[in-house]
Amino acid sequence: MAGPGARVPDETLIKLNDLGLSLKRIGEITGYHFTTIHLRFRELGIIPTDTRRAFMDEVYQKLTPAQREWLAEEINLGQPIGSFIRMLIIEKYNNRKRS
């Protein structure tokens, strides 16, 4: 993403963090070492996404019982949650383009 010696804009790093990407993955995308990204976030007062914690725990906890049941039925079809989320994102993106 960044050329040699180029500084990746803070906004780009923040967006990647907001997507829930790990510092390691952000580093791979931007060409920075993850500790450099961590230091930049510290300077900006940004808390890096904690990818060690279960992402779905927070999502599941905030769903209603009916939404949890629906999700369980959808996932029970044997697809991993990551594939399901990717499908929802692509569906939402494709619907946006039609509007």
PDB file of N, CA and C in Angstrom:
ATOM      1  N   MET A   1       0.826  -1.185   0.000  1.00  0.00           N
ATOM      2  CA  MET A   1       0.000   0.000   0.000  1.00  0.00           C
ATOM      3  C   MET A   1       0.871   1.249   0.000  1.00  0.00           C
ATOM      4  N   ALA A   2       1.857   1.289   0.853  1.00  0.00           N
ATOM      5  CA  ALA A   2       2.747   2.449   0.892  1.00  0.00           C
ATOM      6  C   ALA A   2       4.019   2.130   0.129  1.00  0.00           C
ATOM      7  N   GLY A   3       4.508   3.110  -0.621  1.00  0.00           N
ATOM      8  CA  GLY A   3       5.764   2.933  -1.314  1.00  0.00           C
ATOM      9  C   GLY A   3       6.905   3.086  -0.325  1.00  0.00           C
ATOM     10  N   PRO A   4       8.129   2.785  -0.763  1.00  0.00           N
ATOM     11  CA  PRO A   4       9.268   2.910   0.141  1.00  0.00           C
ATOM     12  C   PRO A   4       9.368   4.339   0.689  1.00  0.00           C
ATOM     13  N   GLY A   5       9.421   4.443   1.994  1.00  0.00           N
ATOM     14  CA  GLY A   5       9.548   5.743   2.641  1.00  0.00           C
ATOM     15  C   GLY A   5       8.253   6.531   2.754  1.00  0.00           C
ATOM     16  N   ALA A   6       7.180   6.065   2.107  1.00  0.00           N
ATOM     17  CA  ALA A   6       5.900   6.773   2.169  1.00  0.00           C
ATOM     18  C   ALA A   6       5.205   6.458   3.490  1.00  0.00           C
ATOM     19  N   ARG A   7       4.566   7.446   4.046  1.00  0.00           N
ATOM     20  CA  ARG A   7       3.836   7.264   5.305  1.00  0.00           C
ATOM     21  C   ARG A   7       2.372   7.002   4.981  1.00  0.00           C
ATOM     22  N   VAL A   8       1.866   5.901   5.516  1.00  0.00           N
ATOM     23  CA  VAL A   8       0.459   5.561   5.329  1.00  0.00           C
ATOM     24  C   VAL A   8      -0.363   6.528   6.177  1.00  0.00           C
ATOM     25  N   PRO A   9      -1.408   7.130   5.598  1.00  0.00           N
ATOM     26  CA  PRO A   9      -2.232   8.077   6.371  1.00  0.00           C
ATOM     27  C   PRO A   9      -2.860   7.414   7.605  1.00  0.00           C
ATOM     28  N   ASP A  10      -2.942   8.192   8.672  1.00  0.00           N
ATOM     29  CA  ASP A  10      -3.564   7.689   9.898  1.00  0.00           C
ATOM     30  C   ASP A  10      -4.966   7.162   9.628  1.00  0.00           C
ATOM     31  N   GLU A  11      -5.705   7.841   8.761  1.00  0.00           N
ATOM     32  CA  GLU A  11      -7.082   7.441   8.458  1.00  0.00           C
ATOM     33  C   GLU A  11      -7.133   6.022   7.889  1.00  0.00           C
ATOM     34  N   THR A  12      -6.145   5.666   7.088  1.00  0.00           N
ATOM     35  CA  THR A  12      -6.089   4.316   6.516  1.00  0.00           C
ATOM     36  C   THR A  12      -5.875   3.285   7.615  1.00  0.00           C
ATOM     37  N   LEU A  13      -4.953   3.570   8.519  1.00  0.00           N
ATOM     38  CA  LEU A  13      -4.693   2.642   9.616  1.00  0.00           C
ATOM     39  C   LEU A  13      -5.923   2.492  10.504  1.00  0.00           C
ATOM     40  N   ILE A  14      -6.600   3.599  10.765  1.00  0.00           N
ATOM     41  CA  ILE A  14      -7.796   3.560  11.613  1.00  0.00           C
ATOM     42  C   ILE A  14      -8.894   2.745  10.947  1.00  0.00           C
ATOM     43  N   LYS A  15      -9.088   2.917   9.643  1.00  0.00           N
ATOM     44  CA  LYS A  15     -10.109   2.140   8.926  1.00  0.00           C
ATOM     45  C   LYS A  15      -9.810   0.649   8.998  1.00  0.00           C
ATOM     46  N   LEU A  16      -8.550   0.274   8.803  1.00  0.00           N
ATOM     47  CA  LEU A  16      -8.178  -1.143   8.868  1.00  0.00           C
ATOM     48  C   LEU A  16      -8.396  -1.695  10.273  1.00  0.00           C
ATOM     49  N   ASN A  17      -8.105  -0.889  11.289  1.00  0.00           N
ATOM     50  CA  ASN A  17      -8.350  -1.301  12.665  1.00  0.00           C
ATOM     51  C   ASN A  17      -9.849  -1.460  12.911  1.00  0.00           C
ATOM     52  N   ASP A  18     -10.642  -0.515  12.401  1.00  0.00           N
ATOM     53  CA  ASP A  18     -12.096  -0.570  12.579  1.00  0.00           C
ATOM     54  C   ASP A  18     -12.709  -1.801  11.906  1.00  0.00           C
ATOM     55  N   LEU A  19     -12.041  -2.309  10.881  1.00  0.00           N
ATOM     56  CA  LEU A  19     -12.512  -3.536  10.225  1.00  0.00           C
ATOM     57  C   LEU A  19     -12.257  -4.771  11.084  1.00  0.00           C
ATOM     58  N   GLY A  20     -11.508  -4.600  12.167  1.00  0.00           N
ATOM     59  CA  GLY A  20     -11.238  -5.721  13.061  1.00  0.00           C
ATOM     60  C   GLY A  20      -9.998  -6.499  12.692  1.00  0.00           C
ATOM     61  N   LEU A  21      -9.137  -5.917  11.851  1.00  0.00           N
ATOM     62  CA  LEU A  21      -7.928  -6.615  11.448  1.00  0.00           C
ATOM     63  C   LEU A  21      -6.877  -6.550  12.542  1.00  0.00           C
ATOM     64  N   SER A  22      -6.061  -7.586  12.615  1.00  0.00           N
ATOM     65  CA  SER A  22      -4.989  -7.624  13.602  1.00  0.00           C
ATOM     66  C   SER A  22      -3.878  -6.659  13.196  1.00  0.00           C
ATOM     67  N   LEU A  23      -3.051  -6.301  14.175  1.00  0.00           N
ATOM     68  CA  LEU A  23      -1.906  -5.445  13.877  1.00  0.00           C
ATOM     69  C   LEU A  23      -0.989  -6.107  12.856  1.00  0.00           C
ATOM     70  N   LYS A  24      -0.852  -7.417  12.955  1.00  0.00           N
ATOM     71  CA  LYS A  24      -0.013  -8.149  12.002  1.00  0.00           C
ATOM     72  C   LYS A  24      -0.561  -8.005  10.581  1.00  0.00           C
ATOM     73  N   ARG A  25      -1.872  -8.187  10.418  1.00  0.00           N
ATOM     74  CA  ARG A  25      -2.489  -8.085   9.091  1.00  0.00           C
ATOM     75  C   ARG A  25      -2.396  -6.652   8.561  1.00  0.00           C
ATOM     76  N   ILE A  26      -2.626  -5.663   9.430  1.00  0.00           N
ATOM     77  CA  ILE A  26      -2.489  -4.266   9.006  1.00  0.00           C
ATOM     78  C   ILE A  26      -1.057  -4.015   8.537  1.00  0.00           C
ATOM     79  N   GLY A  27      -0.092  -4.590   9.245  1.00  0.00           N
ATOM     80  CA  GLY A  27       1.301  -4.461   8.847  1.00  0.00           C
ATOM     81  C   GLY A  27       1.571  -5.081   7.489  1.00  0.00           C
ATOM     82  N   GLU A  28       0.990  -6.240   7.231  1.00  0.00           N
ATOM     83  CA  GLU A  28       1.167  -6.889   5.929  1.00  0.00           C
ATOM     84  C   GLU A  28       0.582  -6.036   4.808  1.00  0.00           C
ATOM     85  N   ILE A  29      -0.545  -5.406   5.069  1.00  0.00           N
ATOM     86  CA  ILE A  29      -1.210  -4.579   4.060  1.00  0.00           C
ATOM     87  C   ILE A  29      -0.437  -3.291   3.799  1.00  0.00           C
ATOM     88  N   THR A  30       0.081  -2.693   4.861  1.00  0.00           N
ATOM     89  CA  THR A  30       0.704  -1.371   4.739  1.00  0.00           C
ATOM     90  C   THR A  30       2.217  -1.399   4.567  1.00  0.00           C
ATOM     91  N   GLY A  31       2.827  -2.542   4.847  1.00  0.00           N
ATOM     92  CA  GLY A  31       4.278  -2.632   4.758  1.00  0.00           C
ATOM     93  C   GLY A  31       4.983  -2.196   6.028  1.00  0.00           C
ATOM     94  N   TYR A  32       4.231  -1.955   7.105  1.00  0.00           N
ATOM     95  CA  TYR A  32       4.803  -1.589   8.395  1.00  0.00           C
ATOM     96  C   TYR A  32       4.950  -2.828   9.273  1.00  0.00           C
ATOM     97  N   HIS A  33       5.864  -2.769  10.219  1.00  0.00           N
ATOM     98  CA  HIS A  33       5.941  -3.798  11.244  1.00  0.00           C
ATOM     99  C   HIS A  33       4.794  -3.532  12.223  1.00  0.00           C
ATOM    100  N   PHE A  34       4.247  -4.592  12.792  1.00  0.00           N
ATOM    101  CA  PHE A  34       3.084  -4.415  13.671  1.00  0.00           C
ATOM    102  C   PHE A  34       3.384  -3.548  14.884  1.00  0.00           C
ATOM    103  N   THR A  35       4.633  -3.548  15.349  1.00  0.00           N
ATOM    104  CA  THR A  35       4.950  -2.686  16.493  1.00  0.00           C
ATOM    105  C   THR A  35       4.909  -1.206  16.099  1.00  0.00           C
ATOM    106  N   THR A  36       5.263  -0.910  14.855  1.00  0.00           N
ATOM    107  CA  THR A  36       5.175   0.470  14.362  1.00  0.00           C
ATOM    108  C   THR A  36       3.727   0.921  14.361  1.00  0.00           C
ATOM    109  N   ILE A  37       2.841   0.050  13.924  1.00  0.00           N
ATOM    110  CA  ILE A  37       1.417   0.373  13.900  1.00  0.00           C
ATOM    111  C   ILE A  37       0.905   0.568  15.329  1.00  0.00           C
ATOM    112  N   HIS A  38       1.338  -0.307  16.218  1.00  0.00           N
ATOM    113  CA  HIS A  38       0.927  -0.179  17.613  1.00  0.00           C
ATOM    114  C   HIS A  38       1.354   1.174  18.183  1.00  0.00           C
ATOM    115  N   LEU A  39       2.578   1.588  17.888  1.00  0.00           N
ATOM    116  CA  LEU A  39       3.073   2.880  18.371  1.00  0.00           C
ATOM    117  C   LEU A  39       2.292   4.041  17.756  1.00  0.00           C
ATOM    118  N   ARG A  40       1.945   3.925  16.454  1.00  0.00           N
ATOM    119  CA  ARG A  40       1.141   4.978  15.812  1.00  0.00           C
ATOM    120  C   ARG A  40      -0.227   5.078  16.482  1.00  0.00           C
ATOM    121  N   PHE A  41      -0.840   3.939  16.753  1.00  0.00           N
ATOM    122  CA  PHE A  41      -2.145   3.950  17.426  1.00  0.00           C
ATOM    123  C   PHE A  41      -2.028   4.586  18.811  1.00  0.00           C
ATOM    124  N   ARG A  42      -0.965   4.273  19.519  1.00  0.00           N
ATOM    125  CA  ARG A  42      -0.772   4.851  20.847  1.00  0.00           C
ATOM    126  C   ARG A  42      -0.683   6.374  20.745  1.00  0.00           C
ATOM    127  N   GLU A  43       0.074   6.872  19.743  1.00  0.00           N
ATOM    128  CA  GLU A  43       0.194   8.319  19.530  1.00  0.00           C
ATOM    129  C   GLU A  43      -1.166   8.958  19.237  1.00  0.00           C
ATOM    130  N   LEU A  44      -2.028   8.215  18.519  1.00  0.00           N
ATOM    131  CA  LEU A  44      -3.339   8.733  18.129  1.00  0.00           C
ATOM    132  C   LEU A  44      -4.409   8.510  19.193  1.00  0.00           C
ATOM    133  N   GLY A  45      -4.071   7.752  20.237  1.00  0.00           N
ATOM    134  CA  GLY A  45      -5.060   7.442  21.263  1.00  0.00           C
ATOM    135  C   GLY A  45      -6.068   6.402  20.800  1.00  0.00           C
ATOM    136  N   ILE A  46      -5.675   5.582  19.842  1.00  0.00           N
ATOM    137  CA  ILE A  46      -6.545   4.531  19.288  1.00  0.00           C
ATOM    138  C   ILE A  46      -6.226   3.206  19.974  1.00  0.00           C
ATOM    139  N   ILE A  47      -7.247   2.502  20.386  1.00  0.00           N
ATOM    140  CA  ILE A  47      -7.056   1.175  20.970  1.00  0.00           C
ATOM    141  C   ILE A  47      -7.122   0.152  19.837  1.00  0.00           C
ATOM    142  N   PRO A  48      -6.037  -0.622  19.646  1.00  0.00           N
ATOM    143  CA  PRO A  48      -6.067  -1.641  18.586  1.00  0.00           C
ATOM    144  C   PRO A  48      -7.143  -2.684  18.859  1.00  0.00           C
ATOM    145  N   THR A  49      -7.738  -3.191  17.792  1.00  0.00           N
ATOM    146  CA  THR A  49      -8.718  -4.248  17.927  1.00  0.00           C
ATOM    147  C   THR A  49      -8.074  -5.437  18.614  1.00  0.00           C
ATOM    148  N   ASP A  50      -8.755  -5.974  19.602  1.00  0.00           N
ATOM    149  CA  ASP A  50      -8.240  -7.144  20.310  1.00  0.00           C
ATOM    150  C   ASP A  50      -8.737  -8.387  19.583  1.00  0.00           C
ATOM    151  N   THR A  51      -7.896  -8.907  18.703  1.00  0.00           N
ATOM    152  CA  THR A  51      -8.296 -10.065  17.899  1.00  0.00           C
ATOM    153  C   THR A  51      -8.140 -11.375  18.658  1.00  0.00           C
ATOM    154  N   ARG A  52      -7.630 -11.307  19.882  1.00  0.00           N
ATOM    155  CA  ARG A  52      -7.517 -12.532  20.677  1.00  0.00           C
ATOM    156  C   ARG A  52      -8.862 -12.926  21.272  1.00  0.00           C
ATOM    157  N   ARG A  53      -9.719 -11.970  21.444  1.00  0.00           N
ATOM    158  CA  ARG A  53     -11.037 -12.256  22.017  1.00  0.00           C
ATOM    159  C   ARG A  53     -11.964 -12.740  20.910  1.00  0.00           C
ATOM    160  N   ALA A  54     -12.933 -13.515  21.293  1.00  0.00           N
ATOM    161  CA  ALA A  54     -13.853 -14.085  20.323  1.00  0.00           C
ATOM    162  C   ALA A  54     -14.760 -12.991  19.756  1.00  0.00           C
ATOM    163  N   PHE A  55     -14.600 -12.708  18.493  1.00  0.00           N
ATOM    164  CA  PHE A  55     -15.398 -11.718  17.783  1.00  0.00           C
ATOM    165  C   PHE A  55     -16.885 -12.032  17.908  1.00  0.00           C
ATOM    166  N   MET A  56     -17.233 -13.280  17.705  1.00  0.00           N
ATOM    167  CA  MET A  56     -18.642 -13.653  17.707  1.00  0.00           C
ATOM    168  C   MET A  56     -19.272 -13.595  19.093  1.00  0.00           C
ATOM    169  N   ASP A  57     -18.469 -13.684  20.144  1.00  0.00           N
ATOM    170  CA  ASP A  57     -19.045 -13.574  21.491  1.00  0.00           C
ATOM    171  C   ASP A  57     -19.774 -12.246  21.644  1.00  0.00           C
ATOM    172  N   GLU A  58     -19.134 -11.169  21.232  1.00  0.00           N
ATOM    173  CA  GLU A  58     -19.741  -9.845  21.353  1.00  0.00           C
ATOM    174  C   GLU A  58     -20.946  -9.704  20.428  1.00  0.00           C
ATOM    175  N   VAL A  59     -20.813 -10.177  19.204  1.00  0.00           N
ATOM    176  CA  VAL A  59     -21.918 -10.096  18.250  1.00  0.00           C
ATOM    177  C   VAL A  59     -23.110 -10.888  18.784  1.00  0.00           C
ATOM    178  N   TYR A  60     -22.872 -12.121  19.187  1.00  0.00           N
ATOM    179  CA  TYR A  60     -23.937 -13.006  19.664  1.00  0.00           C
ATOM    180  C   TYR A  60     -24.624 -12.430  20.893  1.00  0.00           C
ATOM    181  N   GLN A  61     -23.846 -11.892  21.800  1.00  0.00           N
ATOM    182  CA  GLN A  61     -24.392 -11.346  23.044  1.00  0.00           C
ATOM    183  C   GLN A  61     -25.388 -10.222  22.778  1.00  0.00           C
ATOM    184  N   LYS A  62     -25.176  -9.459  21.718  1.00  0.00           N
ATOM    185  CA  LYS A  62     -26.028  -8.310  21.432  1.00  0.00           C
ATOM    186  C   LYS A  62     -27.238  -8.651  20.567  1.00  0.00           C
ATOM    187  N   LEU A  63     -27.394  -9.909  20.176  1.00  0.00           N
ATOM    188  CA  LEU A  63     -28.559 -10.335  19.387  1.00  0.00           C
ATOM    189  C   LEU A  63     -29.720 -10.690  20.305  1.00  0.00           C
ATOM    190  N   THR A  64     -30.931 -10.529  19.795  1.00  0.00           N
ATOM    191  CA  THR A  64     -32.115 -10.966  20.545  1.00  0.00           C
ATOM    192  C   THR A  64     -32.185 -12.484  20.486  1.00  0.00           C
ATOM    193  N   PRO A  65     -32.971 -13.121  21.363  1.00  0.00           N
ATOM    194  CA  PRO A  65     -33.118 -14.576  21.288  1.00  0.00           C
ATOM    195  C   PRO A  65     -33.613 -15.050  19.912  1.00  0.00           C
ATOM    196  N   ALA A  66     -34.536 -14.312  19.312  1.00  0.00           N
ATOM    197  CA  ALA A  66     -35.030 -14.699  17.978  1.00  0.00           C
ATOM    198  C   ALA A  66     -33.926 -14.599  16.931  1.00  0.00           C
ATOM    199  N   GLN A  67     -33.098 -13.558  17.015  1.00  0.00           N
ATOM    200  CA  GLN A  67     -31.991 -13.400  16.080  1.00  0.00           C
ATOM    201  C   GLN A  67     -30.948 -14.494  16.277  1.00  0.00           C
ATOM    202  N   ARG A  68     -30.706 -14.879  17.522  1.00  0.00           N
ATOM    203  CA  ARG A  68     -29.759 -15.964  17.808  1.00  0.00           C
ATOM    204  C   ARG A  68     -30.245 -17.282  17.212  1.00  0.00           C
ATOM    205  N   GLU A  69     -31.532 -17.537  17.365  1.00  0.00           N
ATOM    206  CA  GLU A  69     -32.106 -18.776  16.824  1.00  0.00           C
ATOM    207  C   GLU A  69     -32.003 -18.794  15.305  1.00  0.00           C
ATOM    208  N   TRP A  70     -32.342 -17.673  14.673  1.00  0.00           N
ATOM    209  CA  TRP A  70     -32.241 -17.572  13.214  1.00  0.00           C
ATOM    210  C   TRP A  70     -30.816 -17.830  12.755  1.00  0.00           C
ATOM    211  N   LEU A  71     -29.850 -17.210  13.433  1.00  0.00           N
ATOM    212  CA  LEU A  71     -28.444 -17.380  13.072  1.00  0.00           C
ATOM    213  C   LEU A  71     -28.021 -18.839  13.223  1.00  0.00           C
ATOM    214  N   ALA A  72     -28.426 -19.461  14.311  1.00  0.00           N
ATOM    215  CA  ALA A  72     -28.074 -20.873  14.540  1.00  0.00           C
ATOM    216  C   ALA A  72     -28.625 -21.755  13.423  1.00  0.00           C
ATOM    217  N   GLU A  73     -29.839 -21.466  12.984  1.00  0.00           N
ATOM    218  CA  GLU A  73     -30.431 -22.248  11.892  1.00  0.00           C
ATOM    219  C   GLU A  73     -29.684 -22.032  10.584  1.00  0.00           C
ATOM    220  N   GLU A  74     -29.288 -20.800  10.318  1.00  0.00           N
ATOM    221  CA  GLU A  74     -28.535 -20.489   9.097  1.00  0.00           C
ATOM    222  C   GLU A  74     -27.166 -21.164   9.101  1.00  0.00           C
ATOM    223  N   ILE A  75     -26.487 -21.094  10.220  1.00  0.00           N
ATOM    224  CA  ILE A  75     -25.144 -21.667  10.333  1.00  0.00           C
ATOM    225  C   ILE A  75     -25.205 -23.181  10.390  1.00  0.00           C
ATOM    226  N   ASN A  76     -26.301 -23.707  10.863  1.00  0.00           N
ATOM    227  CA  ASN A  76     -26.470 -25.154  10.965  1.00  0.00           C
ATOM    228  C   ASN A  76     -26.397 -25.833   9.602  1.00  0.00           C
ATOM    229  N   LEU A  77     -26.422 -25.050   8.550  1.00  0.00           N
ATOM    230  CA  LEU A  77     -26.330 -25.610   7.210  1.00  0.00           C
ATOM    231  C   LEU A  77     -24.899 -26.050   6.900  1.00  0.00           C
ATOM    232  N   GLY A  78     -23.999 -25.889   7.848  1.00  0.00           N
ATOM    233  CA  GLY A  78     -22.652 -26.404   7.713  1.00  0.00           C
ATOM    234  C   GLY A  78     -21.620 -25.421   7.207  1.00  0.00           C
ATOM    235  N   GLN A  79     -21.986 -24.152   7.050  1.00  0.00           N
ATOM    236  CA  GLN A  79     -20.981 -23.204   6.592  1.00  0.00           C
ATOM    237  C   GLN A  79     -20.359 -22.495   7.785  1.00  0.00           C
ATOM    238  N   PRO A  80     -19.071 -22.247   7.734  1.00  0.00           N
ATOM    239  CA  PRO A  80     -18.422 -21.517   8.835  1.00  0.00           C
ATOM    240  C   PRO A  80     -18.951 -20.090   8.922  1.00  0.00           C
ATOM    241  N   ILE A  81     -18.912 -19.515  10.111  1.00  0.00           N
ATOM    242  CA  ILE A  81     -19.438 -18.173  10.326  1.00  0.00           C
ATOM    243  C   ILE A  81     -18.725 -17.156   9.439  1.00  0.00           C
ATOM    244  N   GLY A  82     -17.426 -17.334   9.221  1.00  0.00           N
ATOM    245  CA  GLY A  82     -16.683 -16.412   8.361  1.00  0.00           C
ATOM    246  C   GLY A  82     -17.236 -16.384   6.948  1.00  0.00           C
ATOM    247  N   SER A  83     -17.570 -17.553   6.419  1.00  0.00           N
ATOM    248  CA  SER A  83     -18.153 -17.631   5.073  1.00  0.00           C
ATOM    249  C   SER A  83     -19.519 -16.962   5.038  1.00  0.00           C
ATOM    250  N   PHE A  84     -20.285 -17.159   6.100  1.00  0.00           N
ATOM    251  CA  PHE A  84     -21.610 -16.561   6.188  1.00  0.00           C
ATOM    252  C   PHE A  84     -21.514 -15.033   6.213  1.00  0.00           C
ATOM    253  N   ILE A  85     -20.602 -14.505   7.013  1.00  0.00           N
ATOM    254  CA  ILE A  85     -20.422 -13.058   7.097  1.00  0.00           C
ATOM    255  C   ILE A  85     -19.946 -12.502   5.765  1.00  0.00           C
ATOM    256  N   ARG A  86     -19.011 -13.190   5.121  1.00  0.00           N
ATOM    257  CA  ARG A  86     -18.524 -12.755   3.809  1.00  0.00           C
ATOM    258  C   ARG A  86     -19.675 -12.701   2.801  1.00  0.00           C
ATOM    259  N   MET A  87     -20.546 -13.720   2.814  1.00  0.00           N
ATOM    260  CA  MET A  87     -21.696 -13.768   1.914  1.00  0.00           C
ATOM    261  C   MET A  87     -22.631 -12.583   2.172  1.00  0.00           C
ATOM    262  N   LEU A  88     -22.869 -12.247   3.449  1.00  0.00           N
ATOM    263  CA  LEU A  88     -23.731 -11.119   3.781  1.00  0.00           C
ATOM    264  C   LEU A  88     -23.133  -9.801   3.301  1.00  0.00           C
ATOM    265  N   ILE A  89     -21.837  -9.649   3.441  1.00  0.00           N
ATOM    266  CA  ILE A  89     -21.166  -8.430   2.995  1.00  0.00           C
ATOM    267  C   ILE A  89     -21.272  -8.297   1.481  1.00  0.00           C
ATOM    268  N   ILE A  90     -21.015  -9.384   0.764  1.00  0.00           N
ATOM    269  CA  ILE A  90     -21.095  -9.352  -0.701  1.00  0.00           C
ATOM    270  C   ILE A  90     -22.520  -9.062  -1.150  1.00  0.00           C
ATOM    271  N   GLU A  91     -23.495  -9.679  -0.491  1.00  0.00           N
ATOM    272  CA  GLU A  91     -24.901  -9.442  -0.820  1.00  0.00           C
ATOM    273  C   GLU A  91     -25.268  -7.971  -0.603  1.00  0.00           C
ATOM    274  N   LYS A  92     -24.862  -7.420   0.519  1.00  0.00           N
ATOM    275  CA  LYS A  92     -25.141  -6.015   0.826  1.00  0.00           C
ATOM    276  C   LYS A  92     -24.450  -5.098  -0.187  1.00  0.00           C
ATOM    277  N   TYR A  93     -23.212  -5.408  -0.541  1.00  0.00           N
ATOM    278  CA  TYR A  93     -22.470  -4.619  -1.526  1.00  0.00           C
ATOM    279  C   TYR A  93     -23.165  -4.666  -2.891  1.00  0.00           C
ATOM    280  N   ASN A  94     -23.539  -5.853  -3.320  1.00  0.00           N
ATOM    281  CA  ASN A  94     -24.193  -5.992  -4.620  1.00  0.00           C
ATOM    282  C   ASN A  94     -25.535  -5.268  -4.653  1.00  0.00           C
ATOM    283  N   ASN A  95     -26.280  -5.296  -3.562  1.00  0.00           N
ATOM    284  CA  ASN A  95     -27.551  -4.586  -3.490  1.00  0.00           C
ATOM    285  C   ASN A  95     -27.341  -3.071  -3.532  1.00  0.00           C
ATOM    286  N   ARG A  96     -26.258  -2.605  -2.961  1.00  0.00           N
ATOM    287  CA  ARG A  96     -25.930  -1.183  -2.985  1.00  0.00           C
ATOM    288  C   ARG A  96     -25.698  -0.714  -4.410  1.00  0.00           C
ATOM    289  N   LYS A  97     -25.039  -1.517  -5.195  1.00  0.00           N
ATOM    290  CA  LYS A  97     -24.707  -1.149  -6.570  1.00  0.00           C
ATOM    291  C   LYS A  97     -25.954  -1.054  -7.444  1.00  0.00           C
ATOM    292  N   ARG A  98     -27.004  -1.786  -7.094  1.00  0.00           N
ATOM    293  CA  ARG A  98     -28.242  -1.781  -7.889  1.00  0.00           C
ATOM    294  C   ARG A  98     -29.088  -0.553  -7.625  1.00  0.00           C
ATOM    295  N   SER A  99     -28.898   0.065  -6.482  1.00  0.00           N
ATOM    296  CA  SER A  99     -29.742   1.209  -6.091  1.00  0.00           C
ATOM    297  C   SER A  99     -29.412   2.440  -6.873  1.00  0.00           C
TER     298      SER A  99
END
